[in-house]
N, C-alpha and C. Protein backbone atom coordinates (compact mmCIF):
# COMPACT_ATOMS: atom_id res chain seq x y z
N MET A 1 -9.70 -7.90 -4.23
CA MET A 1 -8.61 -7.33 -3.48
C MET A 1 -9.17 -6.62 -2.23
N ILE A 2 -8.40 -6.65 -1.18
CA ILE A 2 -8.74 -5.95 0.03
C ILE A 2 -7.59 -4.92 0.33
N LEU A 3 -7.96 -3.70 0.56
CA LEU A 3 -7.00 -2.60 0.86
C LEU A 3 -7.08 -2.29 2.29
N ILE A 4 -5.97 -2.28 2.96
CA ILE A 4 -5.88 -1.84 4.38
C ILE A 4 -4.90 -0.75 4.45
N PHE A 5 -5.33 0.45 4.93
CA PHE A 5 -4.44 1.57 4.94
C PHE A 5 -4.61 2.31 6.27
N GLY A 6 -3.64 3.14 6.57
CA GLY A 6 -3.65 3.94 7.78
C GLY A 6 -2.21 4.45 8.06
N GLY A 7 -2.08 5.16 9.14
CA GLY A 7 -0.79 5.70 9.48
C GLY A 7 0.19 4.62 9.87
N ALA A 8 1.43 5.02 9.98
CA ALA A 8 2.48 4.06 10.34
C ALA A 8 2.26 3.56 11.76
N TYR A 9 2.63 2.35 11.99
CA TYR A 9 2.54 1.73 13.30
C TYR A 9 1.19 1.73 13.95
N GLN A 10 0.19 1.51 13.13
CA GLN A 10 -1.20 1.48 13.68
C GLN A 10 -1.75 0.10 13.78
N GLY A 11 -0.96 -0.94 13.41
CA GLY A 11 -1.42 -2.34 13.56
C GLY A 11 -2.03 -2.95 12.34
N LYS A 12 -1.74 -2.39 11.17
CA LYS A 12 -2.33 -2.94 9.91
C LYS A 12 -1.94 -4.37 9.64
N LEU A 13 -0.66 -4.66 9.73
CA LEU A 13 -0.20 -6.04 9.43
C LEU A 13 -0.76 -7.04 10.45
N ALA A 14 -0.66 -6.69 11.70
CA ALA A 14 -1.16 -7.57 12.78
C ALA A 14 -2.65 -7.87 12.56
N TYR A 15 -3.36 -6.83 12.19
CA TYR A 15 -4.85 -6.96 11.93
C TYR A 15 -5.09 -7.94 10.80
N ALA A 16 -4.33 -7.76 9.71
CA ALA A 16 -4.54 -8.63 8.53
C ALA A 16 -4.14 -10.07 8.80
N LEU A 17 -3.04 -10.24 9.51
CA LEU A 17 -2.61 -11.63 9.85
C LEU A 17 -3.65 -12.31 10.73
N ASP A 18 -4.16 -11.61 11.73
CA ASP A 18 -5.16 -12.18 12.65
C ASP A 18 -6.52 -12.43 11.93
N ARG A 19 -7.02 -11.40 11.23
CA ARG A 19 -8.34 -11.51 10.59
C ARG A 19 -8.38 -12.64 9.57
N PHE A 20 -7.35 -12.78 8.77
CA PHE A 20 -7.38 -13.73 7.68
C PHE A 20 -6.61 -14.99 8.02
N LYS A 21 -6.12 -15.12 9.25
CA LYS A 21 -5.48 -16.32 9.73
C LYS A 21 -4.27 -16.69 8.83
N LEU A 22 -3.41 -15.71 8.59
CA LEU A 22 -2.23 -15.89 7.76
C LEU A 22 -0.99 -15.88 8.57
N ALA A 23 0.13 -16.17 7.95
CA ALA A 23 1.39 -16.33 8.65
C ALA A 23 2.47 -15.39 7.91
N GLU A 24 3.63 -15.31 8.52
CA GLU A 24 4.73 -14.54 7.95
C GLU A 24 5.08 -14.96 6.53
N ASP A 25 4.96 -16.22 6.22
CA ASP A 25 5.28 -16.73 4.89
C ASP A 25 4.29 -16.19 3.81
N ASP A 26 3.16 -15.67 4.25
CA ASP A 26 2.15 -15.16 3.31
C ASP A 26 2.42 -13.66 2.92
N ILE A 27 3.50 -13.08 3.43
CA ILE A 27 3.73 -11.69 3.26
C ILE A 27 4.82 -11.39 2.23
N TYR A 28 4.51 -10.48 1.28
CA TYR A 28 5.52 -9.90 0.40
C TYR A 28 5.79 -8.49 0.99
N LYS A 29 7.02 -8.30 1.52
CA LYS A 29 7.34 -6.97 2.09
C LYS A 29 8.05 -6.12 1.06
N CYS A 30 7.41 -4.99 0.73
CA CYS A 30 8.01 -4.09 -0.30
C CYS A 30 9.23 -3.41 0.31
N ASP A 31 10.01 -2.98 -0.67
CA ASP A 31 11.38 -2.35 -0.32
C ASP A 31 11.50 -1.09 -1.12
N ASP A 32 11.91 -0.02 -0.52
CA ASP A 32 11.99 1.23 -1.22
C ASP A 32 13.20 1.36 -2.23
N ASN A 33 13.89 0.23 -2.34
CA ASN A 33 14.99 0.17 -3.32
C ASN A 33 14.69 -0.85 -4.46
N ASN A 34 13.52 -1.47 -4.45
CA ASN A 34 13.19 -2.54 -5.37
C ASN A 34 11.95 -2.10 -6.16
N THR A 35 12.14 -1.98 -7.47
CA THR A 35 10.99 -1.63 -8.37
C THR A 35 10.25 -2.80 -8.90
N ASP A 36 10.69 -4.05 -8.57
CA ASP A 36 9.96 -5.21 -9.08
C ASP A 36 8.55 -5.26 -8.59
N MET A 37 7.66 -5.73 -9.43
CA MET A 37 6.24 -5.80 -9.10
C MET A 37 6.02 -6.69 -7.93
N PRO A 38 5.41 -6.22 -6.84
CA PRO A 38 5.06 -7.11 -5.70
C PRO A 38 3.99 -8.07 -6.15
N LYS A 39 4.17 -9.40 -5.90
CA LYS A 39 3.14 -10.40 -6.31
C LYS A 39 3.48 -11.74 -5.66
N ASN A 40 2.54 -12.68 -5.90
CA ASN A 40 2.69 -14.04 -5.50
C ASN A 40 2.64 -14.27 -3.99
N LYS A 41 2.04 -13.36 -3.26
CA LYS A 41 1.82 -13.55 -1.82
C LYS A 41 0.40 -13.10 -1.50
N LYS A 42 -0.13 -13.59 -0.41
CA LYS A 42 -1.46 -13.19 -0.01
C LYS A 42 -1.52 -11.81 0.50
N ILE A 43 -0.44 -11.31 1.16
CA ILE A 43 -0.39 -9.97 1.66
C ILE A 43 0.76 -9.24 0.96
N ILE A 44 0.46 -8.06 0.43
CA ILE A 44 1.46 -7.13 -0.16
C ILE A 44 1.58 -6.02 0.88
N TYR A 45 2.71 -5.95 1.61
CA TYR A 45 2.90 -5.11 2.77
C TYR A 45 3.79 -3.92 2.42
N GLU A 46 3.40 -2.74 2.92
CA GLU A 46 4.13 -1.50 2.75
C GLU A 46 4.24 -1.11 1.28
N THR A 47 3.14 -1.13 0.61
CA THR A 47 3.10 -0.72 -0.80
C THR A 47 3.66 0.65 -1.03
N ASP A 48 3.57 1.53 -0.03
CA ASP A 48 4.11 2.90 -0.12
C ASP A 48 5.63 2.87 -0.40
N LYS A 49 6.30 1.87 0.14
CA LYS A 49 7.73 1.78 -0.08
C LYS A 49 8.12 1.41 -1.54
N TRP A 50 7.26 0.54 -2.10
CA TRP A 50 7.41 0.20 -3.52
C TRP A 50 7.20 1.48 -4.43
N ILE A 51 6.17 2.27 -4.04
CA ILE A 51 5.91 3.47 -4.80
C ILE A 51 7.11 4.45 -4.68
N LEU A 52 7.74 4.48 -3.54
CA LEU A 52 8.91 5.38 -3.40
C LEU A 52 10.09 4.85 -4.33
N ALA A 53 10.21 3.55 -4.44
CA ALA A 53 11.23 3.00 -5.34
C ALA A 53 10.91 3.43 -6.79
N LEU A 54 9.61 3.36 -7.15
CA LEU A 54 9.22 3.77 -8.49
C LEU A 54 9.54 5.24 -8.76
N ILE A 55 9.21 6.10 -7.75
CA ILE A 55 9.52 7.55 -7.88
C ILE A 55 11.00 7.81 -8.04
N ARG A 56 11.81 7.15 -7.22
CA ARG A 56 13.23 7.35 -7.30
C ARG A 56 13.82 6.94 -8.64
N ASN A 57 13.16 5.94 -9.27
CA ASN A 57 13.66 5.43 -10.54
C ASN A 57 12.91 6.03 -11.75
N GLU A 58 12.08 7.02 -11.48
CA GLU A 58 11.32 7.77 -12.50
C GLU A 58 10.44 6.84 -13.35
N ILE A 59 9.79 5.92 -12.65
CA ILE A 59 8.83 5.01 -13.28
C ILE A 59 7.47 5.53 -13.10
N ASP A 60 6.65 5.50 -14.13
CA ASP A 60 5.30 6.06 -14.02
C ASP A 60 4.43 5.26 -13.00
N THR A 61 4.07 5.91 -11.91
CA THR A 61 3.33 5.20 -10.85
C THR A 61 1.91 4.78 -11.30
N GLY A 62 1.27 5.61 -12.08
CA GLY A 62 -0.07 5.30 -12.51
C GLY A 62 -0.09 4.02 -13.32
N GLN A 63 0.85 3.89 -14.26
CA GLN A 63 0.93 2.64 -15.11
C GLN A 63 1.29 1.46 -14.23
N ALA A 64 2.24 1.69 -13.32
CA ALA A 64 2.68 0.58 -12.46
C ALA A 64 1.54 0.09 -11.56
N ILE A 65 0.70 1.00 -11.03
CA ILE A 65 -0.47 0.60 -10.21
C ILE A 65 -1.45 -0.10 -11.05
N GLN A 66 -1.66 0.29 -12.28
CA GLN A 66 -2.62 -0.41 -13.22
C GLN A 66 -2.14 -1.89 -13.35
N GLN A 67 -0.87 -2.07 -13.60
CA GLN A 67 -0.34 -3.42 -13.78
C GLN A 67 -0.42 -4.17 -12.45
N PHE A 68 -0.12 -3.50 -11.34
CA PHE A 68 -0.28 -4.09 -10.03
C PHE A 68 -1.63 -4.64 -9.80
N LEU A 69 -2.68 -3.87 -10.22
CA LEU A 69 -4.12 -4.25 -10.01
C LEU A 69 -4.41 -5.52 -10.79
N GLU A 70 -3.80 -5.68 -12.00
CA GLU A 70 -4.07 -6.85 -12.82
C GLU A 70 -3.46 -8.11 -12.17
N VAL A 71 -2.29 -7.94 -11.58
CA VAL A 71 -1.54 -9.13 -11.06
C VAL A 71 -2.02 -9.50 -9.62
N ASN A 72 -2.57 -8.58 -8.89
CA ASN A 72 -2.82 -8.80 -7.50
C ASN A 72 -4.33 -8.69 -7.11
N ARG A 73 -5.14 -9.18 -8.00
CA ARG A 73 -6.62 -9.08 -7.77
C ARG A 73 -7.11 -9.77 -6.47
N ASP A 74 -6.43 -10.77 -6.00
CA ASP A 74 -6.83 -11.51 -4.83
C ASP A 74 -6.00 -11.21 -3.60
N ALA A 75 -5.16 -10.20 -3.68
CA ALA A 75 -4.26 -9.89 -2.54
C ALA A 75 -4.90 -9.00 -1.50
N ILE A 76 -4.28 -9.03 -0.34
CA ILE A 76 -4.58 -8.07 0.72
C ILE A 76 -3.46 -7.04 0.66
N VAL A 77 -3.72 -5.85 0.28
CA VAL A 77 -2.71 -4.80 0.06
C VAL A 77 -2.74 -3.91 1.30
N ILE A 78 -1.55 -3.71 1.86
CA ILE A 78 -1.39 -2.86 3.03
C ILE A 78 -0.52 -1.68 2.65
N CYS A 79 -0.99 -0.50 2.90
CA CYS A 79 -0.26 0.73 2.52
C CYS A 79 -0.34 1.78 3.67
N ASN A 80 0.77 2.40 3.99
CA ASN A 80 0.83 3.50 4.89
C ASN A 80 0.27 4.73 4.22
N ASP A 81 -0.64 5.44 4.92
CA ASP A 81 -1.20 6.72 4.38
C ASP A 81 -0.20 7.81 4.88
N ILE A 82 0.52 8.33 3.89
CA ILE A 82 1.54 9.35 4.27
C ILE A 82 1.06 10.75 3.90
N SER A 83 -0.27 10.90 3.66
CA SER A 83 -0.79 12.17 3.16
C SER A 83 -0.99 13.22 4.25
N CYS A 84 -0.94 12.86 5.48
CA CYS A 84 -1.18 13.78 6.60
C CYS A 84 0.14 14.41 7.01
N GLY A 85 0.07 15.53 7.68
CA GLY A 85 1.28 16.14 8.21
C GLY A 85 1.84 17.18 7.27
N VAL A 86 3.11 17.53 7.55
CA VAL A 86 3.79 18.59 6.80
C VAL A 86 4.16 18.08 5.41
N VAL A 87 3.97 18.91 4.39
CA VAL A 87 4.34 18.59 3.05
C VAL A 87 5.89 18.66 2.94
N PRO A 88 6.49 17.59 2.46
CA PRO A 88 7.96 17.59 2.41
C PRO A 88 8.50 18.68 1.46
N VAL A 89 9.60 19.30 1.82
CA VAL A 89 10.30 20.25 0.96
C VAL A 89 11.05 19.52 -0.15
N ASP A 90 11.59 18.35 0.12
CA ASP A 90 12.30 17.57 -0.87
C ASP A 90 11.36 17.19 -2.03
N PRO A 91 11.75 17.52 -3.28
CA PRO A 91 10.85 17.25 -4.40
C PRO A 91 10.53 15.74 -4.62
N VAL A 92 11.48 14.88 -4.30
CA VAL A 92 11.22 13.45 -4.48
C VAL A 92 10.21 12.94 -3.41
N LEU A 93 10.36 13.37 -2.20
CA LEU A 93 9.45 12.97 -1.14
C LEU A 93 8.07 13.60 -1.34
N ARG A 94 8.02 14.77 -1.89
CA ARG A 94 6.73 15.44 -2.21
C ARG A 94 6.00 14.64 -3.28
N SER A 95 6.80 14.24 -4.32
CA SER A 95 6.22 13.43 -5.43
C SER A 95 5.69 12.08 -4.87
N TRP A 96 6.48 11.50 -3.96
CA TRP A 96 6.12 10.23 -3.35
C TRP A 96 4.77 10.41 -2.61
N ARG A 97 4.65 11.42 -1.81
CA ARG A 97 3.44 11.64 -1.04
C ARG A 97 2.23 11.76 -2.00
N GLU A 98 2.37 12.52 -3.06
CA GLU A 98 1.32 12.68 -4.02
C GLU A 98 0.97 11.35 -4.71
N ALA A 99 2.01 10.61 -5.08
CA ALA A 99 1.83 9.33 -5.77
C ALA A 99 1.14 8.33 -4.88
N VAL A 100 1.47 8.27 -3.60
CA VAL A 100 0.80 7.35 -2.69
C VAL A 100 -0.69 7.78 -2.58
N GLY A 101 -0.95 9.01 -2.51
CA GLY A 101 -2.37 9.44 -2.46
C GLY A 101 -3.17 9.03 -3.68
N ARG A 102 -2.64 9.27 -4.86
CA ARG A 102 -3.26 8.88 -6.10
C ARG A 102 -3.39 7.34 -6.19
N SER A 103 -2.36 6.62 -5.71
CA SER A 103 -2.41 5.24 -5.76
C SER A 103 -3.43 4.64 -4.84
N LEU A 104 -3.55 5.16 -3.67
CA LEU A 104 -4.58 4.72 -2.72
C LEU A 104 -5.98 4.94 -3.35
N ALA A 105 -6.18 6.06 -4.08
CA ALA A 105 -7.46 6.27 -4.71
C ALA A 105 -7.76 5.23 -5.77
N MET A 106 -6.74 4.90 -6.57
CA MET A 106 -6.91 3.84 -7.61
C MET A 106 -7.14 2.50 -7.00
N LEU A 107 -6.36 2.16 -6.00
CA LEU A 107 -6.54 0.83 -5.30
C LEU A 107 -7.88 0.70 -4.64
N SER A 108 -8.33 1.80 -4.01
CA SER A 108 -9.64 1.72 -3.29
C SER A 108 -10.76 1.51 -4.24
N GLN A 109 -10.68 2.16 -5.45
CA GLN A 109 -11.76 2.05 -6.39
C GLN A 109 -11.89 0.61 -6.92
N LYS A 110 -10.79 -0.13 -7.00
CA LYS A 110 -10.82 -1.46 -7.57
C LYS A 110 -10.92 -2.53 -6.47
N SER A 111 -10.86 -2.10 -5.24
CA SER A 111 -10.88 -3.08 -4.07
C SER A 111 -12.34 -3.53 -3.79
N ASP A 112 -12.46 -4.75 -3.32
CA ASP A 112 -13.78 -5.27 -2.90
C ASP A 112 -14.10 -4.73 -1.49
N GLU A 113 -13.01 -4.52 -0.74
CA GLU A 113 -13.16 -4.06 0.66
C GLU A 113 -12.02 -3.08 0.95
N VAL A 114 -12.32 -2.01 1.65
CA VAL A 114 -11.30 -1.05 2.05
C VAL A 114 -11.48 -0.77 3.51
N ILE A 115 -10.36 -0.97 4.26
CA ILE A 115 -10.37 -0.81 5.71
C ILE A 115 -9.29 0.21 6.10
N ARG A 116 -9.67 1.17 6.94
CA ARG A 116 -8.77 2.13 7.49
C ARG A 116 -8.50 1.72 8.93
N LEU A 117 -7.20 1.69 9.27
CA LEU A 117 -6.89 1.31 10.65
C LEU A 117 -6.33 2.54 11.31
N PHE A 118 -6.90 2.92 12.48
CA PHE A 118 -6.45 4.06 13.24
C PHE A 118 -6.35 3.66 14.74
N CYS A 119 -5.18 3.77 15.32
CA CYS A 119 -4.98 3.36 16.73
C CYS A 119 -5.38 1.90 16.94
N GLY A 120 -5.13 1.08 15.93
CA GLY A 120 -5.42 -0.34 16.05
C GLY A 120 -6.90 -0.68 15.82
N ILE A 121 -7.73 0.26 15.54
CA ILE A 121 -9.16 0.01 15.37
C ILE A 121 -9.53 0.06 13.87
N PRO A 122 -10.04 -1.04 13.38
CA PRO A 122 -10.41 -1.08 11.95
C PRO A 122 -11.75 -0.41 11.73
N GLU A 123 -11.77 0.40 10.60
CA GLU A 123 -13.03 1.03 10.18
C GLU A 123 -13.26 0.65 8.71
N LYS A 124 -14.35 -0.05 8.43
CA LYS A 124 -14.66 -0.46 7.08
C LYS A 124 -15.17 0.78 6.33
N ILE A 125 -14.43 1.11 5.23
CA ILE A 125 -14.82 2.30 4.43
C ILE A 125 -15.68 1.80 3.21
N LYS A 126 -15.31 0.64 2.74
CA LYS A 126 -16.03 0.12 1.56
C LYS A 126 -16.20 -1.38 1.72
């Protein structure tokens, strides 16, 4: 698995499509209203939105990420890093922020490669 993370609108998807010579058909775009396991595509995009759907539906994110890791061993996982900035007052959004942070830690430990994108510039972390 390859994990690409960074802030919103930093060019993560464009980078992945270009580097791995993939197309729009290769993308599974997560939805913050859909708790179904993202799978069966080369790129799993906006994983943070899937985590928000899990939080809203009170599904254990740790267990969901463990299952996600088993199903998506060969995927390119793209996730927005929402850990910077002001801590949300809303308890659901605060839980989401914490769950994304923990999930990124779990995903990065199991990834073969971890890339952080900042201002469109990729930085290999692992």
